[in-house]
């Protein structure tokens, strides 16, 4: 089940909303303590989260439940009052269990195939990848480390820890919600009408990004980078790569917007995951704006503990980026993709970032976008032979400069290209900030304008998205496979 699905929008989500409202009423009847008044709501959220996850993979819901139980017990052991080897041993055991789950279910097949290619005959296990395993495993690791560092209190209720790890808005494709971000809100949160209004609006913004832009761009990507691959011209390669560059942004940022919006409706405040990354003037800045939750995770839990900027900086950067590539998938192209960015970020540390204020901004933007697009060409093809075919076309070695399919993709999707490029800029932020500033100035007319604007945009996005979803065949989120 995915968010941009008619069943989710018109069956699952309304059923959850009604159940959650009923639970809210039951909580109010239960008692005066705020913690007690959230029992029913949290229970409903856990039940619907498990249904959501089990919808496509009923077997692997037990894997997630086992992971939660292990982390719950490890957290209790880590929370000991006295520092020393027992706490460290419990942390090490908990981290080892989480990493073992990833190693077995995500990387076992890749490692076995690599050994076979190296001449060591090893049977390759056929293990299906559980959806969202990278996301909920990293959240489990976040929980254990935050408890160990005493940044957050240990969760003594198993059901509340299950809620944190299994919460369906961010379960299968993030953002990676750190435990300290929502630790207090799990047992103590309030929801206002403004929260619900903002949450619904943010959800529909994300739905529009996914259905109206990303899904349409995916058709261009499939036509050029899959069906047309062996007859691809140079123009076709660049048009297809641009389409994927835009598609993956609107697809993943759209998912994050929807997750943040649903969380807001329930009183959870997830951190932002994207900040208009294609406006960056360096690759280092790009990765501060793209998938922010993953970048901050590796920074705080890997890069800084390794020594950060204090010692062995280049080695630390390359280590983090190797792990970033591995996190994205058990395939050589992801490892190359991670090291590609690790090398660029390392070089920038000693060159570009020291003179960035002296270089014209337009040149920095061109430099960044070109390297970002080349990075996506590595990311897209997990078959290295297909990547080689694409790369030949990209640099003009395919024999054809242009082709009818590429030209048609440009002309027939002119409005889609224009909308996608413009919306990569912070246009919505600028417009909403201007309207909100006028409204906060005390003008009733501007306050009404702000409300009408949001309602009109929300209705338009919902109607257009539903119309496009009827009969849609290409609707999966890219990052759900990680």
Protein backbone atom coordinates (compact mmCIF):
# COMPACT_ATOMS: atom_id res chain seq x y z
CA UNK A 1 0.00 0.00 0.00
CA UNK A 2 1.31 3.44 -0.92
CA UNK A 3 0.09 6.91 -0.02
CA UNK A 4 -0.66 7.84 -3.64
CA UNK A 5 -3.18 5.04 -4.02
CA UNK A 6 -6.94 5.39 -4.30
CA UNK A 7 -7.51 2.63 -1.74
CA UNK A 8 -5.25 4.41 0.76
CA UNK A 9 -6.84 7.81 0.10
CA UNK A 10 -10.48 6.78 0.19
CA UNK A 11 -10.58 3.64 2.36
CA UNK A 12 -7.56 3.27 4.65
CA UNK A 13 -7.09 6.94 5.54
CA UNK A 14 -10.79 7.69 6.28
CA UNK A 15 -11.06 4.49 8.33
CA UNK A 16 -8.01 5.50 10.32
CA UNK A 17 -9.24 9.07 10.81
CA UNK A 18 -12.63 7.90 12.11
CA UNK A 19 -11.02 5.34 14.43
CA UNK A 20 -8.55 7.92 15.69
CA UNK A 21 -11.34 10.40 16.43
CA UNK A 22 -13.26 7.70 18.30
CA UNK A 23 -10.10 6.86 20.25
CA UNK A 24 -9.70 10.53 21.11
CA UNK A 25 -13.18 10.51 22.62
CA UNK A 26 -12.40 7.32 24.57
CA UNK A 27 -9.16 8.84 25.86
CA UNK A 28 -11.05 11.83 27.19
CA UNK A 29 -13.36 9.53 29.09
CA UNK A 30 -10.51 7.44 30.49
CA UNK A 31 -8.95 9.89 32.94
CA UNK A 32 -7.36 13.22 33.58
CA UNK A 33 -3.67 12.31 33.13
CA UNK A 34 -2.40 13.22 29.65
CA UNK A 35 -0.39 10.01 29.35
CA UNK A 36 -3.48 7.92 30.11
CA UNK A 37 -5.58 9.94 27.66
CA UNK A 38 -3.34 8.88 24.74
CA UNK A 39 -3.64 5.13 25.25
CA UNK A 40 -6.53 4.60 22.83
CA UNK A 41 -5.10 6.90 20.15
CA UNK A 42 -1.70 5.27 20.32
CA UNK A 43 -3.29 1.84 20.15
CA UNK A 44 -5.25 2.77 17.04
CA UNK A 45 -2.11 4.19 15.43
CA UNK A 46 -0.16 1.00 16.15
CA UNK A 47 -2.95 -1.26 14.83
CA UNK A 48 -3.34 0.68 11.59
CA UNK A 49 0.44 0.89 11.17
CA UNK A 50 0.72 -2.90 11.40
CA UNK A 51 -2.16 -3.33 8.94
CA UNK A 52 -0.49 -0.85 6.59
CA UNK A 53 2.83 -2.70 6.70
CA UNK A 54 1.31 -6.18 6.53
CA UNK A 55 -0.86 -5.24 3.55
CA UNK A 56 1.88 -6.14 1.09
CA UNK A 57 4.20 -8.24 3.26
CA UNK A 58 2.30 -10.03 6.05
CA UNK A 59 5.26 -12.30 6.87
CA UNK A 60 7.77 -9.52 7.43
CA UNK A 61 5.60 -7.76 9.96
CA UNK A 62 6.85 -10.41 12.40
CA UNK A 63 10.44 -9.44 11.57
CA UNK A 64 9.66 -5.85 12.49
CA UNK A 65 7.91 -6.95 15.70
CA UNK A 66 10.94 -9.03 16.64
CA UNK A 67 13.20 -6.06 15.96
CA UNK A 68 11.08 -3.88 18.23
CA UNK A 69 11.22 -6.43 21.05
CA UNK A 70 15.01 -6.75 20.81
CA UNK A 71 15.45 -2.97 20.85
CA UNK A 72 13.02 -2.62 23.75
CA UNK A 73 15.00 -5.09 25.88
CA UNK A 74 18.33 -3.56 24.83
CA UNK A 75 17.04 -0.09 25.72
CA UNK A 76 16.09 -1.23 29.22
CA UNK A 77 19.57 -2.65 29.76
CA UNK A 78 21.25 0.46 28.34
CA UNK A 79 19.29 2.77 30.63
CA UNK A 80 21.16 1.62 33.75
CA UNK A 81 22.03 4.35 36.22
CA UNK A 82 25.75 3.53 36.42
CA UNK A 83 27.99 4.02 33.40
CA UNK A 84 30.31 1.18 32.58
CA UNK A 85 30.72 -2.00 30.59
CA UNK A 86 27.14 -3.34 31.12
CA UNK A 87 25.64 -0.34 29.33
CA UNK A 88 28.27 -0.51 26.59
CA UNK A 89 27.74 -4.24 26.18
CA UNK A 90 23.97 -3.79 25.91
CA UNK A 91 24.45 -1.04 23.31
CA UNK A 92 26.89 -3.17 21.31
CA UNK A 93 24.51 -6.14 21.40
CA UNK A 94 21.54 -4.03 20.34
CA UNK A 95 23.46 -2.43 17.47
CA UNK A 96 24.79 -5.82 16.40
CA UNK A 97 21.26 -7.24 16.23
CA UNK A 98 20.03 -4.34 14.11
CA UNK A 99 22.97 -4.53 11.74
CA UNK A 100 22.62 -8.32 11.53
CA UNK A 101 19.02 -7.91 10.37
CA UNK A 102 20.20 -5.59 7.59
CA UNK A 103 23.10 -7.88 6.70
CA UNK A 104 20.88 -10.95 6.34
CA UNK A 105 17.81 -9.52 4.67
CA UNK A 106 19.40 -6.81 2.54
CA UNK A 107 23.00 -7.78 1.81
CA UNK A 108 23.35 -11.57 2.11
CA UNK A 109 22.53 -12.17 -1.55
CA UNK A 110 24.85 -9.39 -2.71
CA UNK A 111 27.78 -10.69 -0.64
CA UNK A 112 27.21 -14.25 -1.89
CA UNK A 113 27.09 -13.13 -5.52
CA UNK A 114 30.27 -11.10 -5.04
CA UNK A 115 32.07 -14.17 -3.64
CA UNK A 116 30.88 -16.23 -6.60
CA UNK A 117 32.20 -13.63 -9.01
CA UNK A 118 35.54 -13.76 -7.17
CA UNK A 119 35.75 -17.51 -7.79
CA UNK A 120 34.48 -18.76 -4.44
CA UNK A 121 31.40 -20.95 -5.00
CA UNK A 122 28.76 -19.97 -2.46
CA UNK A 123 25.04 -20.61 -2.60
CA UNK A 124 23.10 -17.39 -3.12
CA UNK A 125 20.16 -17.06 -0.69
CA UNK A 126 16.87 -15.97 -2.21
CA UNK A 127 15.60 -13.51 0.39
CA UNK A 128 13.02 -10.89 -0.52
CA UNK A 129 13.86 -7.40 0.72
CA UNK A 130 11.41 -6.30 3.46
CA UNK A 131 9.93 -2.91 2.60
CA UNK A 132 11.35 -0.04 4.64
CA UNK A 133 13.87 -2.19 6.51
CA UNK A 134 16.63 0.41 6.15
CA UNK A 135 14.41 3.14 7.55
CA UNK A 136 13.02 1.36 10.60
CA UNK A 137 16.39 -0.23 11.41
CA UNK A 138 18.07 3.17 11.44
CA UNK A 139 15.31 4.49 13.69
CA UNK A 140 15.97 1.59 16.06
CA UNK A 141 19.66 2.45 16.09
CA UNK A 142 18.76 6.09 16.77
CA UNK A 143 16.69 4.99 19.77
CA UNK A 144 19.46 2.91 21.32
CA UNK A 145 22.14 5.56 20.88
CA UNK A 146 19.91 8.38 22.17
CA UNK A 147 19.12 6.34 25.28
CA UNK A 148 22.80 5.45 25.75
CA UNK A 149 23.82 9.11 25.45
CA UNK A 150 20.98 10.00 27.85
CA UNK A 151 19.64 12.42 25.25
CA UNK A 152 16.23 10.79 25.65
CA UNK A 153 14.69 8.69 28.40
CA UNK A 154 14.26 4.96 27.86
CA UNK A 155 10.82 3.92 26.64
CA UNK A 156 9.40 1.62 29.32
CA UNK A 157 6.22 0.80 27.41
CA UNK A 158 6.74 -1.75 24.64
CA UNK A 159 3.64 -0.46 22.84
CA UNK A 160 5.04 3.08 22.68
CA UNK A 161 8.34 1.89 21.22
CA UNK A 162 6.37 -0.14 18.68
CA UNK A 163 4.47 3.02 17.80
CA UNK A 164 7.72 4.95 17.25
CA UNK A 165 9.24 2.33 14.95
CA UNK A 166 6.11 1.23 13.09
CA UNK A 167 4.28 4.57 12.68
CA UNK A 168 2.85 4.24 9.16
CA UNK A 169 3.37 7.82 7.92
CA UNK A 170 7.17 7.38 7.91
CA UNK A 171 7.53 3.60 8.09
CA UNK A 172 8.49 2.57 4.56
CA UNK A 173 10.30 5.59 3.07
CA UNK A 174 11.12 8.02 5.84
CA UNK A 175 12.02 10.57 6.79
CA UNK A 176 14.25 8.85 9.35
CA UNK A 177 12.67 10.22 12.52
CA UNK A 178 15.13 10.40 15.38
CA UNK A 179 13.79 9.13 18.70
CA UNK A 180 14.62 12.36 20.51
CA UNK A 181 12.44 14.25 17.99
CA UNK A 182 9.21 12.47 18.98
CA UNK A 183 10.02 10.92 22.37
CA UNK A 184 7.90 13.46 24.25
CA UNK A 185 5.07 13.51 21.69
CA UNK A 186 4.53 9.75 21.87
CA UNK A 187 3.03 10.11 25.32
CA UNK A 188 2.16 13.80 25.48
CA UNK A 189 0.84 15.69 22.45
CA UNK A 190 -2.00 17.99 21.55
CA UNK A 191 -3.55 18.67 18.16
CA UNK A 192 -5.12 21.99 17.22
CA UNK A 193 -7.30 22.88 14.28
CA UNK A 194 -4.32 24.73 12.81
CA UNK A 195 -2.23 21.54 13.04
CA UNK A 196 -4.86 19.58 11.12
CA UNK A 197 -5.26 22.30 8.49
CA UNK A 198 -1.48 22.59 7.98
CA UNK A 199 -1.11 18.81 7.94
CA UNK A 200 -3.80 18.24 5.32
CA UNK A 201 -2.38 21.03 3.15
CA UNK A 202 1.14 19.59 3.40
CA UNK A 203 -0.14 16.09 2.60
CA UNK A 204 -1.89 17.31 -0.55
CA UNK A 205 1.20 19.24 -1.64
CA UNK A 206 3.13 15.97 -1.42
CA UNK A 207 0.38 14.07 -3.24
CA UNK A 208 0.52 16.60 -6.07
CA UNK A 209 4.31 16.35 -6.30
CA UNK A 210 4.07 12.59 -6.62
CA UNK A 211 1.06 12.12 -8.88
CA UNK A 212 1.00 15.24 -11.03
CA UNK A 213 4.75 15.63 -11.60
CA UNK A 214 6.79 12.56 -10.59
CA UNK A 215 4.45 9.96 -12.10
CA UNK A 216 4.28 11.83 -15.41
CA UNK A 217 8.06 12.22 -15.54
CA UNK A 218 8.44 8.50 -14.87
CA UNK A 219 6.81 7.82 -18.26
CA UNK A 220 9.51 9.90 -19.96
CA UNK A 221 12.21 8.12 -17.96
CA UNK A 222 10.89 4.67 -18.87
CA UNK A 223 10.56 5.58 -22.56
CA UNK A 224 14.11 6.86 -22.87
CA UNK A 225 16.22 5.08 -20.26
CA UNK A 226 14.58 1.65 -20.48
CA UNK A 227 12.69 1.02 -23.72
CA UNK A 228 14.96 3.19 -25.86
CA UNK A 229 18.24 2.38 -24.12
CA UNK A 230 20.01 0.50 -26.93
CA UNK A 231 18.88 3.06 -29.54
CA UNK A 232 19.49 6.07 -27.31
CA UNK A 233 20.85 9.27 -28.84
CA UNK A 234 22.93 11.83 -26.99
CA UNK A 235 19.93 14.15 -26.71
CA UNK A 236 17.78 11.25 -25.49
CA UNK A 237 20.32 10.38 -22.81
CA UNK A 238 20.39 13.92 -21.44
CA UNK A 239 16.61 14.37 -21.64
CA UNK A 240 16.06 11.04 -19.87
CA UNK A 241 18.62 11.92 -17.22
CA UNK A 242 17.00 15.32 -16.63
CA UNK A 243 13.62 13.62 -16.34
CA UNK A 244 14.95 11.21 -13.70
CA UNK A 245 16.70 14.04 -11.86
CA UNK A 246 13.38 15.83 -11.53
CA UNK A 247 11.34 12.66 -10.96
CA UNK A 248 13.33 11.40 -7.99
CA UNK A 249 13.16 14.80 -6.30
CA UNK A 250 9.40 15.19 -6.64
CA UNK A 251 8.82 11.52 -5.83
CA UNK A 252 10.87 11.43 -2.63
CA UNK A 253 10.18 14.97 -1.40
CA UNK A 254 6.50 14.34 -2.13
CA UNK A 255 6.56 11.26 0.09
CA UNK A 256 8.29 13.24 2.84
CA UNK A 257 5.69 16.01 2.57
CA UNK A 258 2.88 13.47 2.90
CA UNK A 259 4.54 11.83 5.91
CA UNK A 260 5.16 15.18 7.61
CA UNK A 261 1.57 16.24 6.90
CA UNK A 262 0.01 13.10 8.34
CA UNK A 263 2.26 13.29 11.38
CA UNK A 264 1.23 16.90 11.94
CA UNK A 265 -2.46 15.92 11.90
CA UNK A 266 -1.73 13.57 14.81
CA UNK A 267 0.41 16.01 16.77
CA UNK A 268 3.83 14.75 15.67
CA UNK A 269 6.36 17.26 14.35
CA UNK A 270 8.78 15.48 12.03
CA UNK A 271 11.83 17.40 10.87
CA UNK A 272 12.09 18.63 7.29
CA UNK A 273 13.74 16.22 4.86
CA UNK A 274 14.29 18.48 1.82
CA UNK A 275 15.20 22.12 1.36
CA UNK A 276 15.14 22.82 -2.40
CA UNK A 277 18.37 20.87 -3.03
CA UNK A 278 18.66 21.77 -6.71
CA UNK A 279 19.26 25.40 -5.73
CA UNK A 280 22.62 24.40 -4.22
CA UNK A 281 25.94 25.95 -5.20
CA UNK A 282 28.10 22.98 -4.24
CA UNK A 283 27.74 19.25 -3.74
CA UNK A 284 28.39 19.73 -0.03
CA UNK A 285 25.45 22.14 0.16
CA UNK A 286 23.32 19.76 -1.93
CA UNK A 287 23.73 17.04 0.66
CA UNK A 288 22.75 19.41 3.43
CA UNK A 289 19.47 19.95 1.57
CA UNK A 290 18.74 16.46 0.19
CA UNK A 291 17.45 13.63 2.42
CA UNK A 292 18.39 15.70 5.46
CA UNK A 293 17.36 13.00 7.93
CA UNK A 294 19.81 10.48 6.44
CA UNK A 295 22.64 13.01 6.25
CA UNK A 296 22.18 14.10 9.85
CA UNK A 297 22.01 10.46 10.97
CA UNK A 298 25.39 9.63 9.43
CA UNK A 299 26.85 12.91 10.66
CA UNK A 300 25.84 12.43 14.30
CA UNK A 301 26.16 8.67 14.62
CA UNK A 302 29.10 7.88 12.32
CA UNK A 303 31.08 10.92 11.12
CA UNK A 304 31.48 12.73 14.44
CA UNK A 305 32.22 9.57 16.49
CA UNK A 306 34.92 8.67 13.94
CA UNK A 307 36.59 12.01 14.57
CA UNK A 308 34.66 14.37 12.31
CA UNK A 309 36.74 17.35 11.25
CA UNK A 310 39.23 16.86 14.07
CA UNK A 311 41.23 13.93 12.68
CA UNK A 312 41.34 11.81 9.53
CA UNK A 313 38.68 13.99 7.93
CA UNK A 314 39.10 12.63 4.39
CA UNK A 315 38.92 9.02 5.61
CA UNK A 316 35.85 9.82 7.71
CA UNK A 317 34.08 11.43 4.74
CA UNK A 318 34.82 8.50 2.43
CA UNK A 319 33.70 6.03 5.11
CA UNK A 320 30.40 7.84 5.58
CA UNK A 321 29.77 7.99 1.85
CA UNK A 322 30.64 4.33 1.35
CA UNK A 323 28.05 3.50 4.02
CA UNK A 324 25.57 5.93 2.45
CA UNK A 325 25.89 4.12 -0.85
CA UNK A 326 25.49 0.73 0.83
CA UNK A 327 22.43 1.97 2.73
CA UNK A 328 20.68 2.72 -0.56
CA UNK A 329 21.01 -0.77 -1.92
CA UNK A 330 22.95 -4.03 -2.22
CA UNK A 331 24.42 -3.29 -5.62
CA UNK A 332 27.76 -2.07 -6.96
CA UNK A 333 26.23 0.99 -8.58
CA UNK A 334 25.15 2.32 -5.16
CA UNK A 335 28.64 1.78 -3.76
CA UNK A 336 30.13 3.64 -6.75
CA UNK A 337 27.49 6.35 -6.31
CA UNK A 338 28.39 6.81 -2.66
CA UNK A 339 32.13 6.93 -3.32
CA UNK A 340 31.53 9.32 -6.22
CA UNK A 341 29.95 11.82 -3.84
CA UNK A 342 32.45 11.08 -1.10
CA UNK A 343 35.31 11.95 -3.43
CA UNK A 344 33.64 15.17 -4.61
CA UNK A 345 32.79 16.30 -1.06
CA UNK A 346 36.35 15.58 0.05
CA UNK A 347 37.81 17.58 -2.83
CA UNK A 348 35.42 20.46 -2.14
CA UNK A 349 36.54 20.62 1.48
CA UNK A 350 40.06 21.53 0.36
CA UNK A 351 39.27 23.56 -2.77
CA UNK A 352 35.89 24.99 -3.74
CA UNK A 353 34.52 25.69 -0.26
CA UNK A 354 37.54 27.87 0.48
CA UNK A 355 36.93 30.17 -2.50
CA UNK A 356 33.17 29.75 -3.00
CA UNK A 357 32.43 33.44 -2.31
CA UNK A 358 34.72 34.49 -5.14
CA UNK A 359 33.06 32.34 -7.82
CA UNK A 360 29.97 33.65 -9.71
CA UNK A 361 26.83 31.99 -8.38
CA UNK A 362 25.60 30.97 -11.85
CA UNK A 363 28.79 28.95 -12.46
CA UNK A 364 28.42 27.24 -9.09
CA UNK A 365 24.82 26.27 -9.88
CA UNK A 366 25.81 24.85 -13.27
CA UNK A 367 28.71 22.95 -11.71
CA UNK A 368 26.47 21.48 -8.99
CA UNK A 369 23.60 20.49 -11.27
CA UNK A 370 25.92 18.82 -13.75
CA UNK A 371 27.58 16.69 -11.07
CA UNK A 372 24.21 15.90 -9.46
CA UNK A 373 22.81 14.68 -12.78
CA UNK A 374 25.89 12.55 -13.45
CA UNK A 375 25.44 11.10 -9.97
CA UNK A 376 21.88 10.10 -10.78
CA UNK A 377 23.11 8.27 -13.89
CA UNK A 378 25.15 6.02 -11.57
CA UNK A 379 22.22 5.68 -9.18
CA UNK A 380 19.66 4.69 -11.82
CA UNK A 381 21.25 1.61 -13.38
CA UNK A 382 22.01 -1.30 -11.05
CA UNK A 383 23.06 -3.29 -14.13
CA UNK A 384 26.58 -2.07 -14.93
CA UNK A 385 26.35 -3.20 -18.56
CA UNK A 386 23.25 -1.03 -19.04
CA UNK A 387 25.06 1.84 -17.32
CA UNK A 388 27.91 1.48 -19.83
CA UNK A 389 25.47 1.65 -22.76
CA UNK A 390 23.88 4.78 -21.29
CA UNK A 391 27.24 6.43 -20.60
CA UNK A 392 28.31 5.92 -24.24
CA UNK A 393 25.15 7.69 -25.39
CA UNK A 394 25.60 10.45 -22.82
CA UNK A 395 29.06 11.42 -24.11
CA UNK A 396 28.13 11.13 -27.79
CA UNK A 397 29.61 7.71 -28.61
CA UNK A 398 26.29 6.09 -29.56
CA UNK A 399 26.44 7.39 -33.13
CA UNK A 400 23.27 9.54 -33.00
CA UNK A 401 22.97 13.09 -31.74
CA UNK A 402 19.19 13.19 -31.59
CA UNK A 403 16.14 11.02 -32.17
CA UNK A 404 12.40 11.38 -32.60
CA UNK A 405 11.52 9.98 -29.15
CA UNK A 406 13.71 12.53 -27.35
CA UNK A 407 12.43 15.47 -29.38
CA UNK A 408 8.84 14.33 -28.82
CA UNK A 409 9.49 13.99 -25.07
CA UNK A 410 10.63 17.62 -24.97
CA UNK A 411 7.81 19.08 -27.06
CA UNK A 412 4.84 17.05 -25.82
CA UNK A 413 5.73 17.63 -22.16
CA UNK A 414 6.64 21.32 -22.35
CA UNK A 415 4.30 22.38 -19.54
CA UNK A 416 5.47 19.48 -17.34
CA UNK A 417 9.12 20.49 -17.79
CA UNK A 418 8.32 24.11 -17.02
CA UNK A 419 6.30 23.27 -13.89
CA UNK A 420 8.94 20.85 -12.60
CA UNK A 421 11.83 23.27 -13.06
CA UNK A 422 9.95 26.22 -11.54
CA UNK A 423 8.76 24.19 -8.56
CA UNK A 424 12.31 23.13 -7.76
CA UNK A 425 12.71 26.76 -6.68
CA UNK A 426 11.21 27.93 -3.35
CA UNK A 427 8.30 29.57 -5.18
CA UNK A 428 5.62 28.25 -2.83
CA UNK A 429 7.61 29.39 0.21
CA UNK A 430 8.05 32.89 -1.20
CA UNK A 431 4.38 33.23 -2.10
CA UNK A 432 3.07 31.83 1.18
CA UNK A 433 5.48 33.95 3.20
CA UNK A 434 4.30 37.09 1.42
CA UNK A 435 0.63 36.24 2.00
CA UNK A 436 1.18 35.21 5.64
CA UNK A 437 3.13 38.41 6.39
CA UNK A 438 0.25 40.51 5.10
CA UNK A 439 -2.26 38.39 7.03
CA UNK A 440 -0.30 38.68 10.27
CA UNK A 441 -0.31 42.45 9.82
CA UNK A 442 -3.91 42.46 10.93
CA UNK A 443 -5.61 42.74 7.58
CA UNK A 444 -8.77 40.61 7.54
CA UNK A 445 -8.74 40.64 3.74
CA UNK A 446 -5.25 39.17 3.59
CA UNK A 447 -6.11 36.57 6.25
CA UNK A 448 -9.07 35.52 4.11
CA UNK A 449 -6.83 35.49 1.03
CA UNK A 450 -4.39 33.13 2.77
CA UNK A 451 -7.23 30.76 3.72
CA UNK A 452 -8.83 30.85 0.27
CA UNK A 453 -5.42 30.26 -1.35
CA UNK A 454 -4.78 27.14 0.70
CA UNK A 455 -8.27 25.74 0.18
CA UNK A 456 -8.15 26.36 -3.57
CA UNK A 457 -4.71 24.79 -3.94
CA UNK A 458 -5.72 21.80 -1.81
CA UNK A 459 -8.91 21.11 -3.77
CA UNK A 460 -7.15 21.53 -7.11
CA UNK A 461 -4.34 19.15 -6.12
CA UNK A 462 -6.76 16.53 -4.82
CA UNK A 463 -9.01 16.63 -7.90
CA UNK A 464 -6.10 16.51 -10.36
CA UNK A 465 -4.34 13.76 -8.44
CA UNK A 466 -7.42 11.55 -8.21
CA UNK A 467 -8.13 12.03 -11.92
CA UNK A 468 -4.58 10.94 -12.80
CA UNK A 469 -4.62 8.00 -10.39
CA UNK A 470 -7.64 6.41 -12.07
CA UNK A 471 -6.09 3.68 -14.20
CA UNK A 472 -2.52 4.61 -13.24
CA UNK A 473 -0.02 1.76 -13.60
CA UNK A 474 3.27 3.42 -12.60
CA UNK A 475 2.73 4.67 -9.06
CA UNK A 476 5.34 3.15 -6.72
CA UNK A 477 7.59 5.42 -4.66
CA UNK A 478 11.25 5.06 -5.62
CA UNK A 479 12.62 5.01 -2.08
CA UNK A 480 10.29 2.27 -0.81
CA UNK A 481 12.75 -0.26 -2.28
CA UNK A 482 15.48 0.89 0.10
